[in-house]
Amino acid sequence: MNVIRTAIPDVLILEPKVFGDTRGFFMESYNQKVFNEAVGHDVHFVQDNHSRSAKGVLRGLHYQLPPHAQGKLVRCTQGAVFDVAVDLRHSSPTFGRWVGVELSAESHRQCWIPPGFAHGFVVTSDSADFLYKTTDLYAPECEGVVRWDDLAIGITWPDLGIAPLLSAKDVAAPVLAAARHFD
């Protein structure tokens, strides 16, 4: 597995080894020992999620606060997305900064987003299947959301030629300054 450090060192892009031929391909999508070595500590996943979305659907920026903060290992298994992580750790030197990466079925890339980050993505293909491995169970009382278009964060989302399709929760999300943060 190739590990790529991003501008925010705790967020990692993981490129698995893919073996392909005329029949298709094979890859090891997750290996706990290799993953723990890549992130530098033991990580235990407890829940897998799968979403399917149409082009232009923007999900996020979502997170969970302690005691149910979630780390996420995410990948796109069909189609393509632009995936974003925003540092919400108030004590971090990269607080409020974001990193983004294209994840697609073709590239097989994955992204590790540790606890303390908001996460979101927009679908750039006709549709996309998106898989999440999480380090804690979903807890609605710990859920947080930040506006996807907050100027203080300044995410450069890809121009798809259409307005993003948002949930009611994402439309009503607060800006970073009004959202709950991590210590």
Foldseek 3Di string as FASTA:
>chain_A
DDWDADPPRQKIKDFWDWADDPVGIDTDLDDQVVVCVNNVHHFDFDDKDKDKFFAQAKDFQKFFDPPFTKKKKKAWQAAKKWKKKAAQAPPDPRHLEMDIDMHHNVRSMIMIGGGRIGIMIGGQGRMIMMMITIRGDDDVVGMATAAPPQVSSPDDGDCNVDHHDYDPCNVPHHHSVPIDGHD
